[in-house]
Amino acid sequence: MQKLAPNALEIGMITAEPVVTPSGQVLAPEGSVVTRQLINRMKLYRIPHAVVVGESTGSGISIKASDAVSAPEPAAAPEKPVPEPLKKVPKTHAEESKTHAQKVAASSEFRDFQIQYLQAVDQMKVSFSATVRDNRPIDTEVLLSAVSNLFRSRNTIAELFDMIFNMRAVKSSVYTHCLNVALISRMLGRWLKLEHHDLDVLTLAGLLHDIGKLIIPEELLNKPGALSDEEFAKIKEHPKLGYAILKRQDTLDSRIKKAALMHHERCDGSGYPAGLTEDFIDNYAMVVAIADVYDAMTSSRSYRSPMCPFEVIRSFERDGFQKYHTRYIVTFLRQIATTYQSNRVILSDGRGGNIVMINPNALSRPIVQFDDNTCLDLSTVSSDLYIKAVM
């Protein structure tokens, strides 16, 4: 027997002990055959190793399921002529724009993420409804565990963004938006190097920031087209409604309550419901505000398609430094832009290329290298040419 990390396992090996998650869930009993799905699930649950049958042969384990039965060697197949290499045909814009998303959506990792995501949404529905309807205590431990497990399920921030983007196929709701904001807030909290307890508080602040919208009629929240002044005024009540709900929760951290009340306030006083300026806005509310706007802008709406991350960065660069806390918005935008370093992108004129350098003073306008190896610094050309999509 030997312990092997997921990356060292080979399909067909046999487990000598059960494969168990840190929470005690059995993924595979003793004697199971190692499959690609099992390896991916081990990575998802961050299981460090599996114990498999056999001894090391220097390149793996000597016993696999296929070794249990002896079979005659097949006759050698006749040699086939080696085909000429196919000429590489450049991908069209449409082909490029869907390839990466389709690969992610078809992966077993995404299927596992999707299951966890939808389970978290179901837990939120039960907990939020009980709190709004019956004033029951919010089970913060269960909710925080669901979000934290989703966050830890991906190895990199780019992978997590890929997963969140592909969950856009799920009908958008208050719950899915709150879950996304919780995940993005937790990312920003880590970039800001918050302590673990504070990171958990910030995550819950993101998760509960829009709970007041559950009191507003759904047909108003999801109304296609423009809202009337009266309808918009009704929706703008949700921060106060959310604060009233959470205020009754005696054990809830005050920063979570303030985030619900203040996440639409802006540092220049242009926000609502009170028109507060930076000195009077809670820090966690200012962090959640950034995550809230980023998720809203990268989601589809009845009046527009989801915006590309670099379009969102460009929007933040235009007026974000007045509206948002400088340290928080600078950290967020730099990290988001850096996340897409080396990614393939499509420009507004249809050309495709790879990001080779982020411009620190113009984060939305990096240097792009095209397929012919020529480069273009977007910060030196007209703003009419910009990144339209990230692959």
Protein backbone atom coordinates (compact mmCIF):
# COMPACT_ATOMS: atom_id res chain seq x y z
CA MET A 1 0.00 0.00 0.00
CA GLN A 2 1.06 3.57 -0.62
CA LYS A 3 -0.31 7.07 -0.12
CA LEU A 4 -0.53 9.10 -3.31
CA ALA A 5 -1.61 12.68 -3.91
CA PRO A 6 -4.45 13.21 -6.45
CA ASN A 7 -2.01 14.30 -9.18
CA ALA A 8 0.01 11.10 -8.68
CA LEU A 9 -2.97 8.74 -8.91
CA GLU A 10 -3.59 6.79 -12.08
CA ILE A 11 -6.94 5.71 -13.45
CA GLY A 12 -7.50 2.02 -12.70
CA MET A 13 -5.69 1.90 -9.35
CA ILE A 14 -7.56 0.29 -6.44
CA THR A 15 -8.14 2.01 -3.12
CA ALA A 16 -6.87 0.15 -0.03
CA GLU A 17 -8.79 2.43 2.35
CA PRO A 18 -11.91 4.56 2.02
CA VAL A 19 -11.41 8.02 0.48
CA VAL A 20 -12.97 10.45 2.97
CA THR A 21 -13.47 14.23 2.90
CA PRO A 22 -12.31 16.39 5.83
CA SER A 23 -15.95 16.53 7.00
CA GLY A 24 -16.23 12.71 7.05
CA GLN A 25 -18.10 12.13 3.78
CA VAL A 26 -17.01 8.90 2.04
CA LEU A 27 -16.24 9.56 -1.62
CA ALA A 28 -15.13 6.00 -2.37
CA PRO A 29 -15.16 2.86 -0.18
CA GLU A 30 -12.20 0.51 0.20
CA GLY A 31 -11.64 -1.52 -2.96
CA SER A 32 -12.93 1.14 -5.35
CA VAL A 33 -11.36 1.67 -8.75
CA VAL A 34 -9.77 5.09 -9.15
CA THR A 35 -11.52 7.08 -11.88
CA ARG A 36 -11.00 10.53 -13.34
CA GLN A 37 -14.14 11.67 -11.51
CA LEU A 38 -12.77 10.44 -8.16
CA ILE A 39 -9.47 12.27 -8.73
CA ASN A 40 -11.33 15.48 -9.58
CA ARG A 41 -13.55 15.15 -6.50
CA MET A 42 -10.49 14.65 -4.31
CA LYS A 43 -9.10 17.91 -5.67
CA LEU A 44 -12.44 19.62 -5.14
CA TYR A 45 -12.59 18.56 -1.48
CA ARG A 46 -8.84 19.13 -1.00
CA ILE A 47 -8.18 15.54 0.08
CA PRO A 48 -4.37 15.32 0.28
CA HIS A 49 -3.94 11.65 -0.65
CA ALA A 50 -5.52 8.25 -1.19
CA VAL A 51 -4.17 4.91 0.01
CA VAL A 52 -3.99 2.48 -2.91
CA VAL A 53 -3.13 -1.21 -3.29
CA GLY A 54 0.34 -2.20 -4.44
CA GLU A 55 3.91 -1.03 -4.08
CA SER A 56 5.65 1.78 -5.87
CA THR A 57 7.35 0.85 -9.11
CA GLY A 58 9.07 4.19 -9.48
CA SER A 59 6.40 5.54 -11.80
CA GLY A 60 3.26 4.61 -9.93
CA ILE A 61 1.58 1.64 -8.26
CA SER A 62 2.01 -1.82 -9.65
CA ILE A 63 -1.56 -3.05 -9.16
CA LYS A 64 -4.50 -1.70 -11.11
CA ALA A 65 -7.98 -3.05 -11.71
CA SER A 66 -6.87 -4.16 -15.15
CA ASP A 67 -4.11 -6.26 -13.57
CA ALA A 68 -6.57 -8.47 -11.70
CA VAL A 69 -7.38 -10.55 -14.80
CA SER A 70 -4.76 -11.87 -17.16
CA ALA A 71 -5.52 -11.61 -20.85
CA PRO A 72 -3.62 -12.56 -23.98
CA GLU A 73 -1.74 -9.77 -25.61
CA PRO A 74 -3.56 -8.52 -28.69
CA ALA A 75 -1.98 -9.06 -32.05
CA ALA A 76 -0.02 -6.14 -33.31
CA ALA A 77 -2.10 -3.91 -35.50
CA PRO A 78 -0.83 -3.24 -38.99
CA GLU A 79 1.03 0.00 -39.33
CA LYS A 80 -1.01 2.86 -40.69
CA PRO A 81 0.39 5.65 -42.77
CA VAL A 82 1.07 8.76 -40.71
CA PRO A 83 -1.35 11.46 -41.86
CA GLU A 84 -0.04 14.84 -42.82
CA PRO A 85 -0.49 17.44 -40.09
CA LEU A 86 -3.65 19.44 -40.48
CA LYS A 87 -3.21 23.03 -41.41
CA LYS A 88 -4.11 25.24 -38.44
CA VAL A 89 -7.12 27.33 -39.31
CA PRO A 90 -7.53 30.55 -37.32
CA LYS A 91 -10.60 30.52 -35.10
CA THR A 92 -13.37 32.95 -35.79
CA HIS A 93 -14.46 35.45 -33.14
CA ALA A 94 -17.57 33.37 -32.40
CA GLU A 95 -15.55 30.16 -32.03
CA GLU A 96 -13.02 31.81 -29.74
CA SER A 97 -15.64 33.46 -27.56
CA LYS A 98 -17.43 30.23 -26.72
CA THR A 99 -14.58 27.69 -26.52
CA HIS A 100 -13.32 28.42 -23.02
CA ALA A 101 -16.76 28.78 -21.47
CA GLN A 102 -17.88 25.54 -23.09
CA LYS A 103 -14.82 23.70 -21.81
CA VAL A 104 -15.43 24.93 -18.28
CA ALA A 105 -19.14 24.09 -18.44
CA ALA A 106 -18.37 20.55 -19.68
CA SER A 107 -15.79 19.81 -16.98
CA SER A 108 -16.45 17.51 -14.03
CA GLU A 109 -15.01 20.23 -11.76
CA PHE A 110 -17.75 22.60 -12.87
CA ARG A 111 -20.44 19.97 -12.34
CA ASP A 112 -19.22 19.48 -8.77
CA PHE A 113 -19.06 23.25 -8.25
CA GLN A 114 -22.57 23.62 -9.66
CA ILE A 115 -23.93 21.05 -7.19
CA GLN A 116 -22.28 22.82 -4.25
CA TYR A 117 -23.43 26.22 -5.52
CA LEU A 118 -27.07 25.18 -5.86
CA GLN A 119 -26.96 23.49 -2.45
CA ALA A 120 -25.68 26.76 -0.96
CA VAL A 121 -28.52 28.67 -2.67
CA ASP A 122 -31.07 26.22 -1.23
CA GLN A 123 -29.60 26.70 2.26
CA MET A 124 -29.82 30.47 1.81
CA LYS A 125 -33.47 30.28 0.77
CA VAL A 126 -34.41 28.27 3.85
CA SER A 127 -32.42 30.45 6.26
CA PHE A 128 -33.32 33.83 4.75
CA SER A 129 -37.03 33.00 4.49
CA ALA A 130 -37.20 31.82 8.11
CA THR A 131 -35.50 35.03 9.23
CA VAL A 132 -37.64 37.38 7.14
CA ARG A 133 -40.92 35.59 7.80
CA ASP A 134 -40.54 34.31 11.37
CA ASN A 135 -37.61 36.34 12.77
CA ARG A 136 -35.66 33.13 13.40
CA PRO A 137 -31.92 33.34 14.12
CA ILE A 138 -29.69 33.12 11.07
CA ASP A 139 -27.56 29.97 11.09
CA THR A 140 -24.35 31.76 10.22
CA GLU A 141 -22.20 28.64 10.72
CA VAL A 142 -24.05 26.67 8.05
CA LEU A 143 -24.12 29.58 5.60
CA LEU A 144 -20.47 30.47 6.16
CA SER A 145 -19.42 26.84 5.71
CA ALA A 146 -21.28 26.64 2.38
CA VAL A 147 -19.56 29.78 1.03
CA SER A 148 -16.13 28.84 2.38
CA ASN A 149 -16.30 25.37 0.82
CA LEU A 150 -17.17 26.90 -2.56
CA PHE A 151 -14.31 29.38 -2.23
CA ARG A 152 -11.78 26.67 -1.32
CA SER A 153 -12.93 24.36 -4.11
CA ARG A 154 -10.90 26.22 -6.73
CA ASN A 155 -7.12 26.36 -6.91
CA THR A 156 -6.87 29.88 -8.35
CA ILE A 157 -8.93 33.07 -8.40
CA ALA A 158 -9.20 32.79 -12.20
CA GLU A 159 -10.79 29.34 -11.84
CA LEU A 160 -13.26 30.67 -9.30
CA PHE A 161 -14.25 33.52 -11.62
CA ASP A 162 -14.69 30.97 -14.43
CA MET A 163 -17.05 28.96 -12.25
CA ILE A 164 -19.06 32.01 -11.17
CA PHE A 165 -19.31 33.18 -14.80
CA ASN A 166 -20.65 29.82 -15.94
CA MET A 167 -23.24 29.83 -13.16
CA ARG A 168 -24.84 32.76 -15.00
CA ALA A 169 -26.91 30.09 -16.76
CA VAL A 170 -28.82 29.70 -13.48
CA LYS A 171 -31.67 32.20 -13.32
CA SER A 172 -30.38 35.26 -11.52
CA SER A 173 -32.03 35.96 -8.19
CA VAL A 174 -31.42 37.76 -4.93
CA TYR A 175 -29.87 34.53 -3.63
CA THR A 176 -27.43 33.93 -6.49
CA HIS A 177 -26.37 37.58 -6.48
CA CYS A 178 -25.78 37.50 -2.70
CA LEU A 179 -23.75 34.30 -3.02
CA ASN A 180 -21.59 35.81 -5.77
CA VAL A 181 -21.07 38.99 -3.75
CA ALA A 182 -20.04 36.90 -0.73
CA LEU A 183 -17.45 35.03 -2.82
CA ILE A 184 -16.09 38.22 -4.41
CA SER A 185 -16.01 40.03 -1.05
CA ARG A 186 -14.04 37.15 0.42
CA MET A 187 -11.56 37.43 -2.47
CA LEU A 188 -11.12 41.14 -1.85
CA GLY A 189 -10.77 40.54 1.88
CA ARG A 190 -7.93 38.11 1.24
CA TRP A 191 -6.23 40.60 -1.07
CA LEU A 192 -6.55 43.15 1.74
CA LYS A 193 -4.94 40.58 4.10
CA LEU A 194 -7.77 40.51 6.64
CA GLU A 195 -7.52 38.18 9.64
CA HIS A 196 -9.50 34.93 9.39
CA HIS A 197 -12.32 36.02 11.71
CA ASP A 198 -12.68 39.35 9.93
CA LEU A 199 -12.70 37.51 6.60
CA ASP A 200 -15.64 35.41 7.80
CA VAL A 201 -17.51 38.53 8.97
CA LEU A 202 -16.93 40.17 5.58
CA THR A 203 -18.15 37.03 3.79
CA LEU A 204 -21.39 37.06 5.80
CA ALA A 205 -21.75 40.79 5.14
CA GLY A 206 -21.66 40.05 1.40
CA LEU A 207 -24.04 37.12 1.78
CA LEU A 208 -26.67 39.13 3.69
CA HIS A 209 -26.28 42.56 2.10
CA ASP A 210 -29.41 42.34 -0.08
CA ILE A 211 -31.72 40.44 2.29
CA GLY A 212 -34.02 43.46 2.32
CA LYS A 213 -34.93 42.77 -1.34
CA LEU A 214 -36.90 39.71 -0.22
CA ILE A 215 -39.60 42.08 1.06
CA ILE A 216 -39.89 43.86 -2.31
CA PRO A 217 -42.26 42.23 -4.87
CA GLU A 218 -40.34 39.95 -7.22
CA GLU A 219 -42.11 41.32 -10.29
CA LEU A 220 -40.71 44.74 -9.47
CA LEU A 221 -37.17 43.44 -8.93
CA ASN A 222 -37.26 41.54 -12.23
CA LYS A 223 -39.20 44.08 -14.27
CA PRO A 224 -37.82 44.33 -17.82
CA GLY A 225 -37.15 47.79 -19.10
CA ALA A 226 -36.95 51.11 -17.31
CA LEU A 227 -38.39 51.66 -13.84
CA SER A 228 -40.59 54.60 -13.01
CA ASP A 229 -39.41 57.05 -10.35
CA GLU A 230 -41.88 55.51 -7.89
CA GLU A 231 -40.69 51.97 -8.65
CA PHE A 232 -37.02 52.90 -8.30
CA ALA A 233 -37.78 54.67 -5.00
CA LYS A 234 -39.39 51.44 -3.77
CA ILE A 235 -36.33 49.38 -4.68
CA LYS A 236 -34.06 51.93 -3.01
CA GLU A 237 -35.77 51.07 0.28
CA HIS A 238 -34.07 47.65 0.42
CA PRO A 239 -31.00 48.76 2.44
CA LYS A 240 -33.22 50.07 5.25
CA LEU A 241 -35.45 47.00 5.04
CA GLY A 242 -32.43 44.70 5.25
CA TYR A 243 -31.01 46.59 8.21
CA ALA A 244 -34.37 46.34 10.02
CA ILE A 245 -34.34 42.56 9.52
CA LEU A 246 -30.75 42.08 10.67
CA LYS A 247 -31.03 44.53 13.57
CA ARG A 248 -33.25 41.99 15.33
CA GLN A 249 -30.41 39.43 15.22
CA ASP A 250 -28.69 40.09 18.57
CA THR A 251 -25.70 37.81 17.94
CA LEU A 252 -24.90 39.17 14.48
CA ASP A 253 -21.76 41.30 14.11
CA SER A 254 -22.68 44.98 13.73
CA ARG A 255 -20.51 45.25 10.60
CA ILE A 256 -22.81 42.80 8.81
CA LYS A 257 -25.83 44.94 9.69
CA LYS A 258 -24.10 48.13 8.57
CA ALA A 259 -23.13 46.54 5.24
CA ALA A 260 -26.82 45.84 4.54
CA LEU A 261 -27.67 49.46 5.34
CA MET A 262 -24.72 51.20 3.66
CA HIS A 263 -23.67 49.14 0.61
CA HIS A 264 -25.22 51.73 -1.75
CA GLU A 265 -23.58 54.70 -0.05
CA ARG A 266 -20.68 56.27 -1.96
CA CYS A 267 -17.60 58.07 -0.66
CA ASP A 268 -18.46 61.28 -2.53
CA GLY A 269 -21.93 61.42 -0.96
CA SER A 270 -23.77 60.41 -4.15
CA GLY A 271 -25.21 57.16 -2.77
CA TYR A 272 -28.31 56.22 -0.78
CA PRO A 273 -30.23 55.91 1.52
CA ALA A 274 -28.56 58.68 3.57
CA GLY A 275 -26.04 60.26 1.16
CA LEU A 276 -23.16 59.53 3.55
CA THR A 277 -19.56 60.45 2.74
CA GLU A 278 -16.49 58.27 3.28
CA ASP A 279 -15.88 59.19 6.92
CA PHE A 280 -19.33 57.92 7.89
CA ILE A 281 -19.51 54.69 5.85
CA ASP A 282 -18.52 51.39 7.48
CA ASN A 283 -15.37 49.84 5.96
CA TYR A 284 -17.02 46.49 5.30
CA ALA A 285 -19.93 48.23 3.57
CA MET A 286 -17.39 49.91 1.25
CA VAL A 287 -15.83 46.53 0.40
CA VAL A 288 -19.22 44.88 -0.22
CA ALA A 289 -20.21 47.86 -2.42
CA ILE A 290 -17.37 47.09 -4.83
CA ALA A 291 -18.22 43.37 -4.98
CA ASP A 292 -21.92 44.23 -5.41
CA VAL A 293 -21.30 46.52 -8.40
CA TYR A 294 -18.77 44.15 -10.02
CA ASP A 295 -21.18 41.20 -9.89
CA ALA A 296 -24.09 43.31 -11.16
CA MET A 297 -22.07 44.68 -14.10
CA THR A 298 -20.70 41.27 -15.15
CA SER A 299 -24.21 39.73 -15.03
CA SER A 300 -26.74 39.96 -17.83
CA ARG A 301 -29.68 42.32 -17.48
CA SER A 302 -32.91 42.66 -19.47
CA TYR A 303 -31.48 45.80 -21.11
CA ARG A 304 -27.88 44.61 -21.75
CA SER A 305 -25.52 41.64 -22.02
CA PRO A 306 -22.97 40.91 -19.27
CA MET A 307 -20.02 43.28 -19.41
CA CYS A 308 -16.45 42.08 -19.97
CA PRO A 309 -14.24 42.40 -16.84
CA PHE A 310 -12.05 44.98 -18.61
CA GLU A 311 -15.13 47.05 -19.49
CA VAL A 312 -16.05 46.99 -15.80
CA ILE A 313 -12.50 48.00 -14.85
CA ARG A 314 -12.74 50.87 -17.36
CA SER A 315 -16.04 51.96 -15.79
CA PHE A 316 -14.47 51.93 -12.32
CA GLU A 317 -11.47 53.90 -13.62
CA ARG A 318 -13.78 56.64 -14.95
CA ASP A 319 -15.49 57.52 -11.67
CA GLY A 320 -14.69 54.80 -9.14
CA PHE A 321 -11.88 56.64 -7.41
CA GLN A 322 -14.34 59.28 -6.25
CA LYS A 323 -17.12 56.91 -5.30
CA TYR A 324 -15.17 54.07 -3.64
CA HIS A 325 -12.51 53.84 -0.93
CA THR A 326 -9.17 54.39 -2.70
CA ARG A 327 -7.26 51.51 -1.14
CA TYR A 328 -10.09 49.03 -1.66
CA ILE A 329 -10.83 49.92 -5.28
CA VAL A 330 -7.15 50.11 -6.31
CA THR A 331 -6.44 46.71 -4.73
CA PHE A 332 -9.50 45.17 -6.35
CA LEU A 333 -8.88 46.52 -9.85
CA ARG A 334 -5.18 45.61 -9.85
CA GLN A 335 -5.91 42.07 -8.73
CA ILE A 336 -8.74 41.59 -11.21
CA ALA A 337 -6.60 42.85 -14.10
CA THR A 338 -3.64 40.70 -13.03
CA THR A 339 -5.93 37.66 -12.85
CA TYR A 340 -6.31 37.89 -16.63
CA GLN A 341 -2.58 38.25 -17.38
CA SER A 342 -1.73 35.94 -20.34
CA ASN A 343 -5.42 35.35 -21.12
CA ARG A 344 -6.65 35.49 -24.67
CA VAL A 345 -8.92 38.43 -25.39
CA ILE A 346 -11.02 39.79 -28.23
CA LEU A 347 -10.77 43.48 -29.11
CA SER A 348 -13.67 45.66 -30.20
CA ASP A 349 -12.46 45.45 -33.82
CA GLY A 350 -12.65 41.63 -33.76
CA ARG A 351 -8.93 40.87 -33.48
CA GLY A 352 -7.78 38.26 -30.98
CA GLY A 353 -4.59 38.25 -28.95
CA ASN A 354 -3.00 37.54 -25.58
CA ILE A 355 -2.45 39.99 -22.73
CA VAL A 356 1.31 40.20 -22.21
CA MET A 357 1.54 43.13 -19.80
CA ILE A 358 -0.82 45.03 -17.52
CA ASN A 359 -0.40 48.82 -17.54
CA PRO A 360 -0.41 49.84 -13.84
CA ASN A 361 -1.67 53.34 -14.69
CA ALA A 362 -4.29 52.13 -17.20
CA LEU A 363 -5.47 48.76 -15.93
CA SER A 364 -8.27 48.42 -18.49
CA ARG A 365 -5.84 48.98 -21.37
CA PRO A 366 -3.03 46.39 -21.25
CA ILE A 367 -0.49 45.44 -23.91
CA VAL A 368 -1.85 42.77 -26.27
CA GLN A 369 0.19 40.46 -28.49
CA PHE A 370 -1.48 39.27 -31.70
CA ASP A 371 -1.02 35.95 -33.46
CA ASP A 372 1.60 37.45 -35.81
CA ASN A 373 3.67 38.36 -32.69
CA THR A 374 3.09 42.09 -33.10
CA CYS A 375 2.08 43.97 -29.95
CA LEU A 376 -0.27 46.85 -29.26
CA ASP A 377 -0.30 49.02 -26.15
CA LEU A 378 -3.98 49.88 -25.80
CA SER A 379 -3.14 52.81 -23.55
CA THR A 380 -1.56 54.59 -26.55
CA VAL A 381 -4.50 54.32 -28.96
CA SER A 382 -8.02 55.70 -29.18
CA SER A 383 -10.52 54.61 -26.52
CA ASP A 384 -12.71 53.37 -29.38
CA LEU A 385 -10.47 50.28 -29.43
CA TYR A 386 -10.85 48.24 -26.25
CA ILE A 387 -11.08 44.70 -24.88
CA LYS A 388 -14.55 43.39 -25.62
CA ALA A 389 -14.27 39.83 -24.26
CA VAL A 390 -11.94 37.65 -22.18
CA MET A 391 -11.54 34.09 -23.33
